[in-house]
């Protein structure tokens, strides 16, 4: 198993993909659709004595462009079979659910200019990905490179159809599920079957909890290899709990709209234009509080507001 680090045009920095050289030649994730990413991929394969045409399979953890963007191009040349989870089919098809996002933000009273900016950011991402239709794999299914076998775990939160590949030999290809020094965003996303907004943070916390008993090491999509999976997972879960308490404490004093709470909690990030990431973070904690009957959603002439019981 060889890491293949690919540059991206995104703030998160480079993405780690992985080459498995076994009876099959398998790529786990593949980087964005850019000329720079293509050059790095072909050079990395050449360093192992391979060409793109040697690839047999591509396993995708999720449908964000830094992880799947150039899969279609690789498969067109190699004939490689592509695997992913069906809950990511909108992302893999480069359908950005712009109307669902716009309706959600409009219902929460965001200014039209802010909504337009976020929708334009979604549209901007399209240039870094080619649509692809993988063969679908689900919970409990196995993928094999030949002598190595990996079980598919569905780990939603960051994306509706995020999966990890857990090997019998104690290694996990983790995508964006768990990063050592970076907090993975439980992004606002929608279920492709129902169109309903997923409670992403609640899903993400359940996905992290699946890792708590796991012994082995995790090869992540970004940042460093994780050798103590339960410790890092617990750290992120504890950070969530601290932030949740902070938000409940703030809401105990008065009701806030989503935007007001986002500005109060993350003023610098909101001012710098990270609106979508901040709103994803905040709505996740509001979902948590509503689920625990500690926060209520109020609909009145002022719009949608939130308060602690």
C-alpha atoms as a PDB file:
ATOM      1  CA  UNK A   1       0.000   0.000   0.000  1.00  0.00           C
ATOM      2  CA  UNK A   2       1.552   3.270  -1.168  1.00  0.00           C
ATOM      3  CA  UNK A   3       0.375   6.823  -0.389  1.00  0.00           C
ATOM      4  CA  UNK A   4      -0.153   9.079  -3.398  1.00  0.00           C
ATOM      5  CA  UNK A   5      -0.391  12.707  -2.297  1.00  0.00           C
ATOM      6  CA  UNK A   6      -2.177  14.914  -4.804  1.00  0.00           C
ATOM      7  CA  UNK A   7      -2.375  18.746  -4.744  1.00  0.00           C
ATOM      8  CA  UNK A   8      -5.803  20.378  -4.655  1.00  0.00           C
ATOM      9  CA  UNK A   9      -7.004  23.950  -5.219  1.00  0.00           C
ATOM     10  CA  UNK A  10      -8.859  23.858  -1.896  1.00  0.00           C
ATOM     11  CA  UNK A  11      -8.047  25.307   1.520  1.00  0.00           C
ATOM     12  CA  UNK A  12      -7.707  21.837   3.052  1.00  0.00           C
ATOM     13  CA  UNK A  13      -4.526  21.330   1.027  1.00  0.00           C
ATOM     14  CA  UNK A  14      -3.346  18.103  -0.621  1.00  0.00           C
ATOM     15  CA  UNK A  15      -5.370  14.904  -0.542  1.00  0.00           C
ATOM     16  CA  UNK A  16      -3.909  11.496   0.233  1.00  0.00           C
ATOM     17  CA  UNK A  17      -4.902   8.733  -2.152  1.00  0.00           C
ATOM     18  CA  UNK A  18      -3.571   5.199  -1.822  1.00  0.00           C
ATOM     19  CA  UNK A  19      -2.298   2.662  -4.319  1.00  0.00           C
ATOM     20  CA  UNK A  20      -2.681  -1.015  -3.447  1.00  0.00           C
ATOM     21  CA  UNK A  21      -0.335  -3.256  -5.455  1.00  0.00           C
ATOM     22  CA  UNK A  22      -1.672  -6.759  -5.172  1.00  0.00           C
ATOM     23  CA  UNK A  23      -3.216  -9.176  -7.634  1.00  0.00           C
ATOM     24  CA  UNK A  24      -5.164  -6.082  -8.658  1.00  0.00           C
ATOM     25  CA  UNK A  25      -3.872  -2.531  -8.881  1.00  0.00           C
ATOM     26  CA  UNK A  26      -6.334  -0.476  -6.824  1.00  0.00           C
ATOM     27  CA  UNK A  27      -6.575   3.252  -6.128  1.00  0.00           C
ATOM     28  CA  UNK A  28      -8.423   4.417  -3.045  1.00  0.00           C
ATOM     29  CA  UNK A  29      -9.592   7.940  -3.986  1.00  0.00           C
ATOM     30  CA  UNK A  30      -7.864   9.779  -6.795  1.00  0.00           C
ATOM     31  CA  UNK A  31      -7.715  13.576  -6.432  1.00  0.00           C
ATOM     32  CA  UNK A  32      -9.461  16.430  -8.260  1.00  0.00           C
ATOM     33  CA  UNK A  33      -9.820  16.933 -11.976  1.00  0.00           C
ATOM     34  CA  UNK A  34      -6.941  19.333 -12.630  1.00  0.00           C
ATOM     35  CA  UNK A  35      -3.859  19.171 -14.828  1.00  0.00           C
ATOM     36  CA  UNK A  36      -1.645  19.408 -11.736  1.00  0.00           C
ATOM     37  CA  UNK A  37      -3.421  16.491 -10.054  1.00  0.00           C
ATOM     38  CA  UNK A  38      -3.118  14.416 -13.227  1.00  0.00           C
ATOM     39  CA  UNK A  39       0.634  15.056 -13.453  1.00  0.00           C
ATOM     40  CA  UNK A  40       1.139  14.042  -9.819  1.00  0.00           C
ATOM     41  CA  UNK A  41      -0.929  10.892 -10.260  1.00  0.00           C
ATOM     42  CA  UNK A  42       0.878   9.739 -13.404  1.00  0.00           C
ATOM     43  CA  UNK A  43       4.266  10.451 -11.838  1.00  0.00           C
ATOM     44  CA  UNK A  44       3.346   8.543  -8.676  1.00  0.00           C
ATOM     45  CA  UNK A  45       2.226   5.545 -10.703  1.00  0.00           C
ATOM     46  CA  UNK A  46       5.381   5.718 -12.818  1.00  0.00           C
ATOM     47  CA  UNK A  47       7.487   5.687  -9.656  1.00  0.00           C
ATOM     48  CA  UNK A  48       5.964   2.256  -8.950  1.00  0.00           C
ATOM     49  CA  UNK A  49       6.556   1.074 -12.499  1.00  0.00           C
ATOM     50  CA  UNK A  50       2.903   1.504 -13.472  1.00  0.00           C
ATOM     51  CA  UNK A  51       0.816   3.437 -15.957  1.00  0.00           C
ATOM     52  CA  UNK A  52      -2.770   4.599 -15.695  1.00  0.00           C
ATOM     53  CA  UNK A  53      -3.744   1.740 -18.006  1.00  0.00           C
ATOM     54  CA  UNK A  54      -2.572  -0.744 -15.338  1.00  0.00           C
ATOM     55  CA  UNK A  55      -5.291   0.234 -12.866  1.00  0.00           C
ATOM     56  CA  UNK A  56      -7.956  -2.399 -12.206  1.00  0.00           C
ATOM     57  CA  UNK A  57     -10.242  -0.701  -9.658  1.00  0.00           C
ATOM     58  CA  UNK A  58     -10.892   2.680  -8.010  1.00  0.00           C
ATOM     59  CA  UNK A  59     -12.557   2.739  -4.585  1.00  0.00           C
ATOM     60  CA  UNK A  60     -14.129   6.075  -3.656  1.00  0.00           C
ATOM     61  CA  UNK A  61     -14.734   7.116  -0.058  1.00  0.00           C
ATOM     62  CA  UNK A  62     -17.132   9.910  -1.054  1.00  0.00           C
ATOM     63  CA  UNK A  63     -18.175  12.299  -3.787  1.00  0.00           C
ATOM     64  CA  UNK A  64     -16.231  15.466  -3.025  1.00  0.00           C
ATOM     65  CA  UNK A  65     -14.013  16.634  -5.884  1.00  0.00           C
ATOM     66  CA  UNK A  66     -10.705  16.298  -4.055  1.00  0.00           C
ATOM     67  CA  UNK A  67     -11.478  12.598  -3.588  1.00  0.00           C
ATOM     68  CA  UNK A  68     -13.195  11.545  -6.831  1.00  0.00           C
ATOM     69  CA  UNK A  69     -12.696  14.357  -9.351  1.00  0.00           C
ATOM     70  CA  UNK A  70     -10.478  12.567 -11.859  1.00  0.00           C
ATOM     71  CA  UNK A  71     -11.890   9.051 -11.414  1.00  0.00           C
ATOM     72  CA  UNK A  72     -13.755   9.135 -14.735  1.00  0.00           C
ATOM     73  CA  UNK A  73     -10.624  10.107 -16.668  1.00  0.00           C
ATOM     74  CA  UNK A  74      -8.580   7.376 -14.990  1.00  0.00           C
ATOM     75  CA  UNK A  75     -11.279   4.796 -15.698  1.00  0.00           C
ATOM     76  CA  UNK A  76     -11.702   5.881 -19.316  1.00  0.00           C
ATOM     77  CA  UNK A  77      -8.032   5.137 -19.964  1.00  0.00           C
ATOM     78  CA  UNK A  78      -7.646   2.026 -17.817  1.00  0.00           C
ATOM     79  CA  UNK A  79     -11.076   0.424 -17.921  1.00  0.00           C
ATOM     80  CA  UNK A  80     -10.911   0.300 -14.114  1.00  0.00           C
ATOM     81  CA  UNK A  81     -14.101  -0.531 -12.246  1.00  0.00           C
ATOM     82  CA  UNK A  82     -15.184   2.240  -9.871  1.00  0.00           C
ATOM     83  CA  UNK A  83     -16.912   1.580  -6.550  1.00  0.00           C
ATOM     84  CA  UNK A  84     -18.769   3.964  -4.249  1.00  0.00           C
ATOM     85  CA  UNK A  85     -21.897   4.270  -2.113  1.00  0.00           C
ATOM     86  CA  UNK A  86     -25.255   5.003  -3.738  1.00  0.00           C
ATOM     87  CA  UNK A  87     -26.073   7.776  -1.246  1.00  0.00           C
ATOM     88  CA  UNK A  88     -23.334   9.762  -3.018  1.00  0.00           C
ATOM     89  CA  UNK A  89     -24.923   9.447  -6.432  1.00  0.00           C
ATOM     90  CA  UNK A  90     -25.876  13.146  -6.613  1.00  0.00           C
ATOM     91  CA  UNK A  91     -22.318  14.178  -5.840  1.00  0.00           C
ATOM     92  CA  UNK A  92     -20.825  11.613  -8.224  1.00  0.00           C
ATOM     93  CA  UNK A  93     -23.191  12.862 -10.940  1.00  0.00           C
ATOM     94  CA  UNK A  94     -22.057  16.465 -10.266  1.00  0.00           C
ATOM     95  CA  UNK A  95     -25.565  17.484  -9.211  1.00  0.00           C
ATOM     96  CA  UNK A  96     -25.128  20.050  -6.448  1.00  0.00           C
ATOM     97  CA  UNK A  97     -28.714  20.255  -5.089  1.00  0.00           C
ATOM     98  CA  UNK A  98     -28.522  24.035  -5.458  1.00  0.00           C
ATOM     99  CA  UNK A  99     -32.301  24.457  -5.138  1.00  0.00           C
ATOM    100  CA  UNK A 100     -32.409  22.483  -1.888  1.00  0.00           C
ATOM    101  CA  UNK A 101     -29.570  24.547  -0.449  1.00  0.00           C
ATOM    102  CA  UNK A 102     -31.143  27.810  -1.588  1.00  0.00           C
ATOM    103  CA  UNK A 103     -34.537  26.870  -0.108  1.00  0.00           C
ATOM    104  CA  UNK A 104     -32.953  25.897   3.224  1.00  0.00           C
ATOM    105  CA  UNK A 105     -30.989  29.124   3.551  1.00  0.00           C
ATOM    106  CA  UNK A 106     -33.913  31.228   2.376  1.00  0.00           C
ATOM    107  CA  UNK A 107     -36.145  29.671   5.051  1.00  0.00           C
ATOM    108  CA  UNK A 108     -33.565  30.735   7.634  1.00  0.00           C
ATOM    109  CA  UNK A 109     -33.632  34.322   6.471  1.00  0.00           C
ATOM    110  CA  UNK A 110     -30.185  34.600   4.954  1.00  0.00           C
ATOM    111  CA  UNK A 111     -29.717  37.574   2.630  1.00  0.00           C
ATOM    112  CA  UNK A 112     -30.154  36.783  -1.040  1.00  0.00           C
ATOM    113  CA  UNK A 113     -26.594  37.944  -1.705  1.00  0.00           C
ATOM    114  CA  UNK A 114     -25.191  35.450   0.812  1.00  0.00           C
ATOM    115  CA  UNK A 115     -27.285  32.614  -0.641  1.00  0.00           C
ATOM    116  CA  UNK A 116     -26.146  33.474  -4.149  1.00  0.00           C
ATOM    117  CA  UNK A 117     -22.519  33.501  -3.029  1.00  0.00           C
ATOM    118  CA  UNK A 118     -22.816  30.023  -1.512  1.00  0.00           C
ATOM    119  CA  UNK A 119     -24.584  28.637  -4.582  1.00  0.00           C
ATOM    120  CA  UNK A 120     -21.858  30.123  -6.780  1.00  0.00           C
ATOM    121  CA  UNK A 121     -19.254  28.371  -4.623  1.00  0.00           C
ATOM    122  CA  UNK A 122     -21.043  25.068  -5.253  1.00  0.00           C
ATOM    123  CA  UNK A 123     -21.058  25.798  -8.977  1.00  0.00           C
ATOM    124  CA  UNK A 124     -17.348  26.710  -8.857  1.00  0.00           C
ATOM    125  CA  UNK A 125     -16.525  23.221  -7.568  1.00  0.00           C
ATOM    126  CA  UNK A 126     -17.952  21.575 -10.687  1.00  0.00           C
ATOM    127  CA  UNK A 127     -14.850  22.350 -12.741  1.00  0.00           C
ATOM    128  CA  UNK A 128     -12.775  20.051 -10.514  1.00  0.00           C
ATOM    129  CA  UNK A 129     -14.794  16.881 -11.068  1.00  0.00           C
ATOM    130  CA  UNK A 130     -16.013  14.718 -13.912  1.00  0.00           C
ATOM    131  CA  UNK A 131     -19.356  12.929 -13.451  1.00  0.00           C
ATOM    132  CA  UNK A 132     -19.091   9.217 -12.792  1.00  0.00           C
ATOM    133  CA  UNK A 133     -21.498   6.381 -12.055  1.00  0.00           C
ATOM    134  CA  UNK A 134     -19.759   3.844  -9.797  1.00  0.00           C
ATOM    135  CA  UNK A 135     -20.845   0.334  -9.045  1.00  0.00           C
ATOM    136  CA  UNK A 136     -22.597   0.612  -5.702  1.00  0.00           C
ATOM    137  CA  UNK A 137     -21.253  -1.037  -2.566  1.00  0.00           C
ATOM    138  CA  UNK A 138     -22.966  -1.019   0.808  1.00  0.00           C
ATOM    139  CA  UNK A 139     -22.667  -1.918   4.453  1.00  0.00           C
ATOM    140  CA  UNK A 140     -20.961  -5.205   5.163  1.00  0.00           C
ATOM    141  CA  UNK A 141     -19.892  -5.853   1.589  1.00  0.00           C
ATOM    142  CA  UNK A 142     -16.271  -6.665   0.864  1.00  0.00           C
ATOM    143  CA  UNK A 143     -13.872  -5.372  -1.737  1.00  0.00           C
ATOM    144  CA  UNK A 144     -10.687  -7.257  -2.423  1.00  0.00           C
ATOM    145  CA  UNK A 145      -7.408  -6.404  -4.083  1.00  0.00           C
ATOM    146  CA  UNK A 146      -6.572 -10.099  -4.325  1.00  0.00           C
ATOM    147  CA  UNK A 147      -4.886 -11.294  -1.161  1.00  0.00           C
ATOM    148  CA  UNK A 148      -6.267  -8.393   0.882  1.00  0.00           C
ATOM    149  CA  UNK A 149      -9.932  -7.986   1.812  1.00  0.00           C
ATOM    150  CA  UNK A 150     -11.686  -4.819   3.013  1.00  0.00           C
ATOM    151  CA  UNK A 151     -15.129  -4.460   4.547  1.00  0.00           C
ATOM    152  CA  UNK A 152     -17.234  -1.449   3.537  1.00  0.00           C
ATOM    153  CA  UNK A 153     -18.493   0.685   6.438  1.00  0.00           C
ATOM    154  CA  UNK A 154     -21.083   3.367   5.708  1.00  0.00           C
ATOM    155  CA  UNK A 155     -19.954   6.391   7.735  1.00  0.00           C
ATOM    156  CA  UNK A 156     -22.229   9.348   6.864  1.00  0.00           C
ATOM    157  CA  UNK A 157     -21.871  12.840   8.274  1.00  0.00           C
ATOM    158  CA  UNK A 158     -19.261  14.627   6.203  1.00  0.00           C
ATOM    159  CA  UNK A 159     -21.152  13.332   3.180  1.00  0.00           C
ATOM    160  CA  UNK A 160     -24.347  11.308   2.928  1.00  0.00           C
ATOM    161  CA  UNK A 161     -22.638   8.332   1.317  1.00  0.00           C
ATOM    162  CA  UNK A 162     -19.195   8.499   2.910  1.00  0.00           C
ATOM    163  CA  UNK A 163     -17.643   5.068   3.363  1.00  0.00           C
ATOM    164  CA  UNK A 164     -14.399   3.694   4.762  1.00  0.00           C
ATOM    165  CA  UNK A 165     -12.664   0.469   3.821  1.00  0.00           C
ATOM    166  CA  UNK A 166     -11.588  -1.571   6.863  1.00  0.00           C
ATOM    167  CA  UNK A 167      -9.037  -4.265   6.152  1.00  0.00           C
ATOM    168  CA  UNK A 168      -8.770  -7.629   7.828  1.00  0.00           C
ATOM    169  CA  UNK A 169      -5.108  -6.828   8.487  1.00  0.00           C
ATOM    170  CA  UNK A 170      -5.900  -3.835  10.723  1.00  0.00           C
ATOM    171  CA  UNK A 171      -5.778  -0.877   8.349  1.00  0.00           C
ATOM    172  CA  UNK A 172      -8.622   1.523   7.546  1.00  0.00           C
ATOM    173  CA  UNK A 173      -8.756   3.708   4.450  1.00  0.00           C
ATOM    174  CA  UNK A 174     -10.598   6.529   6.177  1.00  0.00           C
ATOM    175  CA  UNK A 175     -11.267   9.275   3.638  1.00  0.00           C
ATOM    176  CA  UNK A 176     -12.424  12.297   5.631  1.00  0.00           C
ATOM    177  CA  UNK A 177     -14.024  10.366   8.491  1.00  0.00           C
ATOM    178  CA  UNK A 178     -11.197  10.935  10.965  1.00  0.00           C
ATOM    179  CA  UNK A 179      -8.335  13.428  10.646  1.00  0.00           C
ATOM    180  CA  UNK A 180      -5.716  13.799  13.336  1.00  0.00           C
ATOM    181  CA  UNK A 181      -5.268  17.574  13.511  1.00  0.00           C
ATOM    182  CA  UNK A 182      -8.214  18.797  11.466  1.00  0.00           C
ATOM    183  CA  UNK A 183     -11.846  18.801  12.505  1.00  0.00           C
ATOM    184  CA  UNK A 184     -13.926  17.208   9.771  1.00  0.00           C
ATOM    185  CA  UNK A 185     -16.973  19.297   8.866  1.00  0.00           C
ATOM    186  CA  UNK A 186     -20.354  17.603   9.113  1.00  0.00           C
ATOM    187  CA  UNK A 187     -21.570  19.479   6.069  1.00  0.00           C
ATOM    188  CA  UNK A 188     -25.132  20.400   5.262  1.00  0.00           C
ATOM    189  CA  UNK A 189     -26.266  17.757   2.782  1.00  0.00           C
ATOM    190  CA  UNK A 190     -29.461  16.138   1.596  1.00  0.00           C
ATOM    191  CA  UNK A 191     -30.653  12.552   1.289  1.00  0.00           C
ATOM    192  CA  UNK A 192     -30.825  11.729  -2.423  1.00  0.00           C
ATOM    193  CA  UNK A 193     -33.783   9.392  -1.864  1.00  0.00           C
ATOM    194  CA  UNK A 194     -36.032  11.819   0.018  1.00  0.00           C
ATOM    195  CA  UNK A 195     -34.583  15.288  -0.562  1.00  0.00           C
ATOM    196  CA  UNK A 196     -34.686  15.811   3.201  1.00  0.00           C
ATOM    197  CA  UNK A 197     -31.774  17.509   4.923  1.00  0.00           C
ATOM    198  CA  UNK A 198     -29.618  15.004   6.791  1.00  0.00           C
ATOM    199  CA  UNK A 199     -28.842  15.664  10.450  1.00  0.00           C
ATOM    200  CA  UNK A 200     -25.184  15.542   9.504  1.00  0.00           C
ATOM    201  CA  UNK A 201     -23.517  16.090  12.865  1.00  0.00           C
ATOM    202  CA  UNK A 202     -25.661  13.431  14.530  1.00  0.00           C
ATOM    203  CA  UNK A 203     -24.769  11.038  11.723  1.00  0.00           C
ATOM    204  CA  UNK A 204     -21.112  11.970  11.958  1.00  0.00           C
ATOM    205  CA  UNK A 205     -20.940  11.348  15.699  1.00  0.00           C
ATOM    206  CA  UNK A 206     -22.419   7.880  15.225  1.00  0.00           C
ATOM    207  CA  UNK A 207     -19.855   7.229  12.502  1.00  0.00           C
ATOM    208  CA  UNK A 208     -17.003   8.282  14.808  1.00  0.00           C
ATOM    209  CA  UNK A 209     -18.337   6.040  17.542  1.00  0.00           C
ATOM    210  CA  UNK A 210     -17.985   3.048  15.201  1.00  0.00           C
ATOM    211  CA  UNK A 211     -14.221   3.597  15.420  1.00  0.00           C
ATOM    212  CA  UNK A 212     -13.947   3.513  19.219  1.00  0.00           C
ATOM    213  CA  UNK A 213     -13.387  -0.258  19.523  1.00  0.00           C
ATOM    214  CA  UNK A 214     -11.163  -0.476  16.439  1.00  0.00           C
ATOM    215  CA  UNK A 215      -7.589  -1.639  16.871  1.00  0.00           C
ATOM    216  CA  UNK A 216      -5.297  -0.803  13.998  1.00  0.00           C
ATOM    217  CA  UNK A 217      -4.300   2.300  12.091  1.00  0.00           C
ATOM    218  CA  UNK A 218      -6.092   4.653   9.741  1.00  0.00           C
ATOM    219  CA  UNK A 219      -4.823   6.057   6.452  1.00  0.00           C
ATOM    220  CA  UNK A 220      -6.655   9.401   6.145  1.00  0.00           C
ATOM    221  CA  UNK A 221      -7.560  11.587   3.194  1.00  0.00           C
ATOM    222  CA  UNK A 222      -5.632  14.488   4.712  1.00  0.00           C
ATOM    223  CA  UNK A 223      -3.153  15.103   7.508  1.00  0.00           C
ATOM    224  CA  UNK A 224      -1.155  12.364   9.314  1.00  0.00           C
ATOM    225  CA  UNK A 225      -1.561   8.611   9.605  1.00  0.00           C
ATOM    226  CA  UNK A 226      -3.518   7.798  12.772  1.00  0.00           C
ATOM    227  CA  UNK A 227      -2.059   4.985  14.880  1.00  0.00           C
ATOM    228  CA  UNK A 228      -4.412   5.323  17.869  1.00  0.00           C
ATOM    229  CA  UNK A 229      -7.826   5.491  16.249  1.00  0.00           C
ATOM    230  CA  UNK A 230      -9.958   5.408  19.448  1.00  0.00           C
ATOM    231  CA  UNK A 231      -7.944   8.198  21.085  1.00  0.00           C
ATOM    232  CA  UNK A 232      -8.323  10.580  18.147  1.00  0.00           C
ATOM    233  CA  UNK A 233     -12.004   9.715  17.711  1.00  0.00           C
ATOM    234  CA  UNK A 234     -12.669  10.368  21.420  1.00  0.00           C
ATOM    235  CA  UNK A 235     -10.839  13.694  21.190  1.00  0.00           C
ATOM    236  CA  UNK A 236     -13.115  14.892  18.384  1.00  0.00           C
ATOM    237  CA  UNK A 237     -16.237  13.631  20.146  1.00  0.00           C
ATOM    238  CA  UNK A 238     -15.216  15.521  23.295  1.00  0.00           C
ATOM    239  CA  UNK A 239     -14.629  18.693  21.265  1.00  0.00           C
ATOM    240  CA  UNK A 240     -18.166  18.334  19.913  1.00  0.00           C
ATOM    241  CA  UNK A 241     -19.551  18.029  23.425  1.00  0.00           C
ATOM    242  CA  UNK A 242     -17.743  21.170  24.588  1.00  0.00           C
ATOM    243  CA  UNK A 243     -19.002  23.198  21.613  1.00  0.00           C
ATOM    244  CA  UNK A 244     -22.515  21.864  22.154  1.00  0.00           C
ATOM    245  CA  UNK A 245     -22.486  23.056  25.768  1.00  0.00           C
ATOM    246  CA  UNK A 246     -21.277  26.494  24.657  1.00  0.00           C
ATOM    247  CA  UNK A 247     -24.141  26.822  22.199  1.00  0.00           C
ATOM    248  CA  UNK A 248     -26.756  25.637  24.705  1.00  0.00           C
ATOM    249  CA  UNK A 249     -25.420  28.148  27.230  1.00  0.00           C
ATOM    250  CA  UNK A 250     -25.687  30.973  24.729  1.00  0.00           C
ATOM    251  CA  UNK A 251     -29.223  29.985  23.725  1.00  0.00           C
ATOM    252  CA  UNK A 252     -30.275  29.934  27.388  1.00  0.00           C
ATOM    253  CA  UNK A 253     -30.016  33.725  27.468  1.00  0.00           C
ATOM    254  CA  UNK A 254     -32.165  34.467  24.404  1.00  0.00           C
ATOM    255  CA  UNK A 255     -33.363  33.117  21.064  1.00  0.00           C
ATOM    256  CA  UNK A 256     -31.098  33.373  18.016  1.00  0.00           C
ATOM    257  CA  UNK A 257     -31.589  32.908  14.310  1.00  0.00           C
ATOM    258  CA  UNK A 258     -29.149  30.574  12.592  1.00  0.00           C
ATOM    259  CA  UNK A 259     -27.218  33.527  11.168  1.00  0.00           C
ATOM    260  CA  UNK A 260     -27.117  35.394  14.475  1.00  0.00           C
ATOM    261  CA  UNK A 261     -25.780  32.344  16.274  1.00  0.00           C
ATOM    262  CA  UNK A 262     -23.188  31.726  13.559  1.00  0.00           C
ATOM    263  CA  UNK A 263     -21.976  35.326  13.836  1.00  0.00           C
ATOM    264  CA  UNK A 264     -21.848  35.103  17.627  1.00  0.00           C
ATOM    265  CA  UNK A 265     -19.909  31.834  17.652  1.00  0.00           C
ATOM    266  CA  UNK A 266     -17.605  32.299  14.657  1.00  0.00           C
ATOM    267  CA  UNK A 267     -17.448  36.013  13.767  1.00  0.00           C
ATOM    268  CA  UNK A 268     -14.078  35.939  11.997  1.00  0.00           C
ATOM    269  CA  UNK A 269     -14.903  32.899   9.872  1.00  0.00           C
ATOM    270  CA  UNK A 270     -18.225  34.452   8.852  1.00  0.00           C
ATOM    271  CA  UNK A 271     -16.538  37.713   7.904  1.00  0.00           C
ATOM    272  CA  UNK A 272     -13.886  35.893   5.896  1.00  0.00           C
ATOM    273  CA  UNK A 273     -16.496  34.177   3.717  1.00  0.00           C
ATOM    274  CA  UNK A 274     -16.600  30.677   5.216  1.00  0.00           C
ATOM    275  CA  UNK A 275     -20.355  31.020   5.547  1.00  0.00           C
ATOM    276  CA  UNK A 276     -21.298  27.541   4.362  1.00  0.00           C
ATOM    277  CA  UNK A 277     -18.826  25.794   6.673  1.00  0.00           C
ATOM    278  CA  UNK A 278     -19.921  27.857   9.663  1.00  0.00           C
ATOM    279  CA  UNK A 279     -23.636  27.362   9.042  1.00  0.00           C
ATOM    280  CA  UNK A 280     -23.040  23.619   8.628  1.00  0.00           C
ATOM    281  CA  UNK A 281     -21.265  23.575  11.986  1.00  0.00           C
ATOM    282  CA  UNK A 282     -23.943  25.552  13.815  1.00  0.00           C
ATOM    283  CA  UNK A 283     -26.997  23.783  12.390  1.00  0.00           C
ATOM    284  CA  UNK A 284     -25.412  20.497  13.439  1.00  0.00           C
ATOM    285  CA  UNK A 285     -25.405  21.508  17.093  1.00  0.00           C
ATOM    286  CA  UNK A 286     -28.944  22.852  16.824  1.00  0.00           C
ATOM    287  CA  UNK A 287     -30.059  19.486  15.412  1.00  0.00           C
ATOM    288  CA  UNK A 288     -28.345  17.807  18.362  1.00  0.00           C
ATOM    289  CA  UNK A 289     -30.166  19.988  20.885  1.00  0.00           C
ATOM    290  CA  UNK A 290     -33.524  19.450  19.220  1.00  0.00           C
ATOM    291  CA  UNK A 291     -32.897  15.703  19.203  1.00  0.00           C
ATOM    292  CA  UNK A 292     -32.098  15.835  22.934  1.00  0.00           C
ATOM    293  CA  UNK A 293     -35.107  18.078  23.715  1.00  0.00           C
ATOM    294  CA  UNK A 294     -32.741  20.763  24.990  1.00  0.00           C
ATOM    295  CA  UNK A 295     -33.249  23.233  22.138  1.00  0.00           C
ATOM    296  CA  UNK A 296     -36.474  24.284  20.484  1.00  0.00           C
ATOM    297  CA  UNK A 297     -37.043  25.639  17.006  1.00  0.00           C
ATOM    298  CA  UNK A 298     -39.392  28.638  17.092  1.00  0.00           C
ATOM    299  CA  UNK A 299     -41.370  29.728  14.026  1.00  0.00           C
ATOM    300  CA  UNK A 300     -42.931  33.181  14.318  1.00  0.00           C
ATOM    301  CA  UNK A 301     -43.106  36.484  12.471  1.00  0.00           C
ATOM    302  CA  UNK A 302     -39.368  36.927  13.019  1.00  0.00           C
ATOM    303  CA  UNK A 303     -38.675  33.725  11.088  1.00  0.00           C
ATOM    304  CA  UNK A 304     -36.955  30.628  12.459  1.00  0.00           C
ATOM    305  CA  UNK A 305     -35.188  31.073  15.774  1.00  0.00           C
ATOM    306  CA  UNK A 306     -33.640  28.734  18.328  1.00  0.00           C
ATOM    307  CA  UNK A 307     -33.700  28.779  22.114  1.00  0.00           C
ATOM    308  CA  UNK A 308     -32.694  26.458  24.920  1.00  0.00           C
ATOM    309  CA  UNK A 309     -35.418  25.003  27.121  1.00  0.00           C
END
